[in-house]
């Protein structure tokens, strides 16, 4: 249990983890949502099928 406590304290306390998680958050926010991606994929599939 002490090992888990130490790891959690480290993750919550070290600024490098906060910076990395914020960078990941920004990447996720900048990525298109599934609702944006699915219509594009459907269109591409329809266009590809039309060429076969």
PDB file of N, CA and C in Angstrom:
ATOM      1  N   UNK A   1       0.822  -1.199   0.000  1.00  0.00           N
ATOM      2  CA  UNK A   1       0.000   0.000   0.000  1.00  0.00           C
ATOM      3  C   UNK A   1       0.867   1.265   0.000  1.00  0.00           C
ATOM      4  N   UNK A   2       1.987   1.193   0.703  1.00  0.00           N
ATOM      5  CA  UNK A   2       2.876   2.353   0.730  1.00  0.00           C
ATOM      6  C   UNK A   2       3.431   2.674  -0.652  1.00  0.00           C
ATOM      7  N   UNK A   3       3.697   1.626  -1.446  1.00  0.00           N
ATOM      8  CA  UNK A   3       4.208   1.855  -2.800  1.00  0.00           C
ATOM      9  C   UNK A   3       3.193   2.612  -3.643  1.00  0.00           C
ATOM     10  N   UNK A   4       1.940   2.221  -3.533  1.00  0.00           N
ATOM     11  CA  UNK A   4       0.886   2.907  -4.294  1.00  0.00           C
ATOM     12  C   UNK A   4       0.768   4.347  -3.832  1.00  0.00           C
ATOM     13  N   UNK A   5       0.793   4.564  -2.532  1.00  0.00           N
ATOM     14  CA  UNK A   5       0.704   5.927  -1.990  1.00  0.00           C
ATOM     15  C   UNK A   5       1.857   6.774  -2.504  1.00  0.00           C
ATOM     16  N   UNK A   6       3.059   6.219  -2.503  1.00  0.00           N
ATOM     17  CA  UNK A   6       4.232   6.956  -2.980  1.00  0.00           C
ATOM     18  C   UNK A   6       4.089   7.312  -4.460  1.00  0.00           C
ATOM     19  N   UNK A   7       3.612   6.356  -5.244  1.00  0.00           N
ATOM     20  CA  UNK A   7       3.449   6.611  -6.682  1.00  0.00           C
ATOM     21  C   UNK A   7       2.388   7.672  -6.945  1.00  0.00           C
ATOM     22  N   UNK A   8       1.270   7.577  -6.248  1.00  0.00           N
ATOM     23  CA  UNK A   8       0.203   8.564  -6.433  1.00  0.00           C
ATOM     24  C   UNK A   8       0.680   9.936  -6.001  1.00  0.00           C
ATOM     25  N   UNK A   9       1.368  10.013  -4.871  1.00  0.00           N
ATOM     26  CA  UNK A   9       1.901  11.289  -4.392  1.00  0.00           C
ATOM     27  C   UNK A   9       2.876  11.872  -5.405  1.00  0.00           C
ATOM     28  N   UNK A  10       3.700  11.024  -5.991  1.00  0.00           N
ATOM     29  CA  UNK A  10       4.654  11.490  -7.002  1.00  0.00           C
ATOM     30  C   UNK A  10       3.930  12.028  -8.231  1.00  0.00           C
ATOM     31  N   UNK A  11       2.965  11.263  -8.736  1.00  0.00           N
ATOM     32  CA  UNK A  11       2.230  11.687  -9.937  1.00  0.00           C
ATOM     33  C   UNK A  11       1.500  13.000  -9.681  1.00  0.00           C
ATOM     34  N   UNK A  12       0.906  13.132  -8.516  1.00  0.00           N
ATOM     35  CA  UNK A  12       0.159  14.354  -8.214  1.00  0.00           C
ATOM     36  C   UNK A  12       1.061  15.528  -7.863  1.00  0.00           C
ATOM     37  N   UNK A  13       2.286  15.251  -7.409  1.00  0.00           N
ATOM     38  CA  UNK A  13       3.153  16.317  -6.941  1.00  0.00           C
ATOM     39  C   UNK A  13       4.194  16.817  -7.918  1.00  0.00           C
ATOM     40  N   UNK A  14       4.598  15.989  -8.856  1.00  0.00           N
ATOM     41  CA  UNK A  14       5.663  16.399  -9.772  1.00  0.00           C
ATOM     42  C   UNK A  14       5.101  17.203 -10.938  1.00  0.00           C
ATOM     43  N   UNK A  15       5.637  18.402 -11.141  1.00  0.00           N
ATOM     44  CA  UNK A  15       5.156  19.254 -12.229  1.00  0.00           C
ATOM     45  C   UNK A  15       5.275  18.613 -13.611  1.00  0.00           C
ATOM     46  N   UNK A  16       6.244  17.736 -13.807  1.00  0.00           N
ATOM     47  CA  UNK A  16       6.407  17.124 -15.131  1.00  0.00           C
ATOM     48  C   UNK A  16       5.184  16.299 -15.513  1.00  0.00           C
ATOM     49  N   UNK A  17       4.565  15.637 -14.545  1.00  0.00           N
ATOM     50  CA  UNK A  17       3.359  14.871 -14.836  1.00  0.00           C
ATOM     51  C   UNK A  17       2.203  15.803 -15.197  1.00  0.00           C
ATOM     52  N   UNK A  18       2.114  16.929 -14.498  1.00  0.00           N
ATOM     53  CA  UNK A  18       1.058  17.894 -14.803  1.00  0.00           C
ATOM     54  C   UNK A  18       1.253  18.471 -16.203  1.00  0.00           C
ATOM     55  N   UNK A  19       2.489  18.800 -16.549  1.00  0.00           N
ATOM     56  CA  UNK A  19       2.756  19.342 -17.891  1.00  0.00           C
ATOM     57  C   UNK A  19       2.422  18.316 -18.967  1.00  0.00           C
ATOM     58  N   UNK A  20       2.821  17.084 -18.744  1.00  0.00           N
ATOM     59  CA  UNK A  20       2.552  16.040 -19.736  1.00  0.00           C
ATOM     60  C   UNK A  20       1.058  15.790 -19.884  1.00  0.00           C
ATOM     61  N   UNK A  21       0.337  15.786 -18.772  1.00  0.00           N
ATOM     62  CA  UNK A  21      -1.106  15.548 -18.861  1.00  0.00           C
ATOM     63  C   UNK A  21      -1.808  16.725 -19.528  1.00  0.00           C
ATOM     64  N   UNK A  22      -1.319  17.931 -19.313  1.00  0.00           N
ATOM     65  CA  UNK A  22      -1.911  19.094 -19.980  1.00  0.00           C
ATOM     66  C   UNK A  22      -1.637  19.049 -21.482  1.00  0.00           C
ATOM     67  N   UNK A  23      -0.439  18.630 -21.864  1.00  0.00           N
ATOM     68  CA  UNK A  23      -0.123  18.498 -23.289  1.00  0.00           C
ATOM     69  C   UNK A  23      -1.021  17.447 -23.935  1.00  0.00           C
ATOM     70  N   UNK A  24      -1.230  16.334 -23.257  1.00  0.00           N
ATOM     71  CA  UNK A  24      -2.118  15.293 -23.768  1.00  0.00           C
ATOM     72  C   UNK A  24      -3.543  15.818 -23.888  1.00  0.00           C
ATOM     73  N   UNK A  25      -3.979  16.568 -22.887  1.00  0.00           N
ATOM     74  CA  UNK A  25      -5.330  17.158 -22.913  1.00  0.00           C
ATOM     75  C   UNK A  25      -5.496  18.066 -24.125  1.00  0.00           C
ATOM     76  N   UNK A  26      -4.495  18.902 -24.382  1.00  0.00           N
ATOM     77  CA  UNK A  26      -4.566  19.815 -25.523  1.00  0.00           C
ATOM     78  C   UNK A  26      -4.610  19.043 -26.843  1.00  0.00           C
ATOM     79  N   UNK A  27      -3.839  17.975 -26.943  1.00  0.00           N
ATOM     80  CA  UNK A  27      -3.864  17.139 -28.150  1.00  0.00           C
ATOM     81  C   UNK A  27      -5.243  16.532 -28.366  1.00  0.00           C
ATOM     82  N   UNK A  28      -5.830  16.042 -27.284  1.00  0.00           N
ATOM     83  CA  UNK A  28      -7.159  15.433 -27.387  1.00  0.00           C
ATOM     84  C   UNK A  28      -8.193  16.477 -27.790  1.00  0.00           C
ATOM     85  N   UNK A  29      -8.125  17.662 -27.189  1.00  0.00           N
ATOM     86  CA  UNK A  29      -9.078  18.721 -27.531  1.00  0.00           C
ATOM     87  C   UNK A  29      -8.926  19.181 -28.983  1.00  0.00           C
ATOM     88  N   UNK A  30      -7.706  19.108 -29.510  1.00  0.00           N
ATOM     89  CA  UNK A  30      -7.464  19.539 -30.890  1.00  0.00           C
ATOM     90  C   UNK A  30      -7.866  18.476 -31.909  1.00  0.00           C
ATOM     91  N   UNK A  31      -8.076  17.267 -31.455  1.00  0.00           N
ATOM     92  CA  UNK A  31      -8.442  16.172 -32.358  1.00  0.00           C
ATOM     93  C   UNK A  31      -9.931  16.214 -32.672  1.00  0.00           C
ATOM     94  N   UNK A  32     -10.296  15.794 -33.871  1.00  0.00           N
ATOM     95  CA  UNK A  32     -11.723  15.771 -34.208  1.00  0.00           C
ATOM     96  C   UNK A  32     -12.456  14.701 -33.393  1.00  0.00           C
ATOM     97  N   UNK A  33     -13.703  14.977 -33.132  1.00  0.00           N
ATOM     98  CA  UNK A  33     -14.529  14.024 -32.391  1.00  0.00           C
ATOM     99  C   UNK A  33     -15.007  12.920 -33.331  1.00  0.00           C
ATOM    100  N   UNK A  34     -15.459  11.807 -32.782  1.00  0.00           N
ATOM    101  CA  UNK A  34     -16.033  10.760 -33.632  1.00  0.00           C
ATOM    102  C   UNK A  34     -17.184  11.292 -34.495  1.00  0.00           C
ATOM    103  N   UNK A  35     -17.968  12.203 -33.948  1.00  0.00           N
ATOM    104  CA  UNK A  35     -19.082  12.773 -34.714  1.00  0.00           C
ATOM    105  C   UNK A  35     -18.585  13.546 -35.932  1.00  0.00           C
ATOM    106  N   UNK A  36     -17.378  14.064 -35.867  1.00  0.00           N
ATOM    107  CA  UNK A  36     -16.794  14.769 -37.009  1.00  0.00           C
ATOM    108  C   UNK A  36     -16.112  13.806 -37.982  1.00  0.00           C
ATOM    109  N   UNK A  37     -15.542  12.742 -37.472  1.00  0.00           N
ATOM    110  CA  UNK A  37     -14.775  11.809 -38.296  1.00  0.00           C
ATOM    111  C   UNK A  37     -15.668  10.861 -39.088  1.00  0.00           C
ATOM    112  N   UNK A  38     -16.712  10.355 -38.472  1.00  0.00           N
ATOM    113  CA  UNK A  38     -17.550   9.332 -39.114  1.00  0.00           C
ATOM    114  C   UNK A  38     -18.117   9.797 -40.450  1.00  0.00           C
ATOM    115  N   UNK A  39     -18.698  10.990 -40.555  1.00  0.00           N
ATOM    116  CA  UNK A  39     -19.221  11.402 -41.864  1.00  0.00           C
ATOM    117  C   UNK A  39     -18.140  11.472 -42.944  1.00  0.00           C
ATOM    118  N   UNK A  40     -16.954  11.886 -42.571  1.00  0.00           N
ATOM    119  CA  UNK A  40     -15.856  11.949 -43.541  1.00  0.00           C
ATOM    120  C   UNK A  40     -15.496  10.542 -44.001  1.00  0.00           C
ATOM    121  N   UNK A  41     -15.403   9.610 -43.061  1.00  0.00           N
ATOM    122  CA  UNK A  41     -15.097   8.224 -43.425  1.00  0.00           C
ATOM    123  C   UNK A  41     -16.186   7.629 -44.311  1.00  0.00           C
ATOM    124  N   UNK A  42     -17.428   7.905 -43.983  1.00  0.00           N
ATOM    125  CA  UNK A  42     -18.533   7.393 -44.803  1.00  0.00           C
ATOM    126  C   UNK A  42     -18.461   7.945 -46.221  1.00  0.00           C
ATOM    127  N   UNK A  43     -18.144   9.222 -46.347  1.00  0.00           N
ATOM    128  CA  UNK A  43     -18.026   9.835 -47.671  1.00  0.00           C
ATOM    129  C   UNK A  43     -16.874   9.210 -48.447  1.00  0.00           C
ATOM    130  N   UNK A  44     -15.748   9.025 -47.783  1.00  0.00           N
ATOM    131  CA  UNK A  44     -14.595   8.427 -48.457  1.00  0.00           C
ATOM    132  C   UNK A  44     -14.884   7.002 -48.910  1.00  0.00           C
ATOM    133  N   UNK A  45     -15.560   6.236 -48.083  1.00  0.00           N
ATOM    134  CA  UNK A  45     -15.922   4.866 -48.464  1.00  0.00           C
ATOM    135  C   UNK A  45     -16.853   4.885 -49.666  1.00  0.00           C
ATOM    136  N   UNK A  46     -17.838   5.772 -49.642  1.00  0.00           N
ATOM    137  CA  UNK A  46     -18.776   5.862 -50.763  1.00  0.00           C
ATOM    138  C   UNK A  46     -18.047   6.250 -52.047  1.00  0.00           C
ATOM    139  N   UNK A  47     -17.122   7.192 -51.956  1.00  0.00           N
ATOM    140  CA  UNK A  47     -16.355   7.603 -53.131  1.00  0.00           C
ATOM    141  C   UNK A  47     -15.473   6.463 -53.633  1.00  0.00           C
ATOM    142  N   UNK A  48     -14.847   5.733 -52.724  1.00  0.00           N
ATOM    143  CA  UNK A  48     -13.981   4.626 -53.116  1.00  0.00           C
ATOM    144  C   UNK A  48     -14.795   3.520 -53.784  1.00  0.00           C
ATOM    145  N   UNK A  49     -15.937   3.211 -53.213  1.00  0.00           N
ATOM    146  CA  UNK A  49     -16.791   2.167 -53.791  1.00  0.00           C
ATOM    147  C   UNK A  49     -17.229   2.533 -55.204  1.00  0.00           C
ATOM    148  N   UNK A  50     -17.441   3.807 -55.432  1.00  0.00           N
ATOM    149  CA  UNK A  50     -17.883   4.258 -56.752  1.00  0.00           C
ATOM    150  C   UNK A  50     -16.794   4.070 -57.804  1.00  0.00           C
ATOM    151  N   UNK A  51     -15.553   3.959 -57.376  1.00  0.00           N
ATOM    152  CA  UNK A  51     -14.450   3.816 -58.334  1.00  0.00           C
ATOM    153  C   UNK A  51     -14.086   2.361 -58.600  1.00  0.00           C
ATOM    154  N   UNK A  52     -14.687   1.457 -57.875  1.00  0.00           N
ATOM    155  CA  UNK A  52     -14.349   0.030 -58.050  1.00  0.00           C
ATOM    156  C   UNK A  52     -15.171  -0.566 -59.169  1.00  0.00           C
TER     157      UNK A  52
END
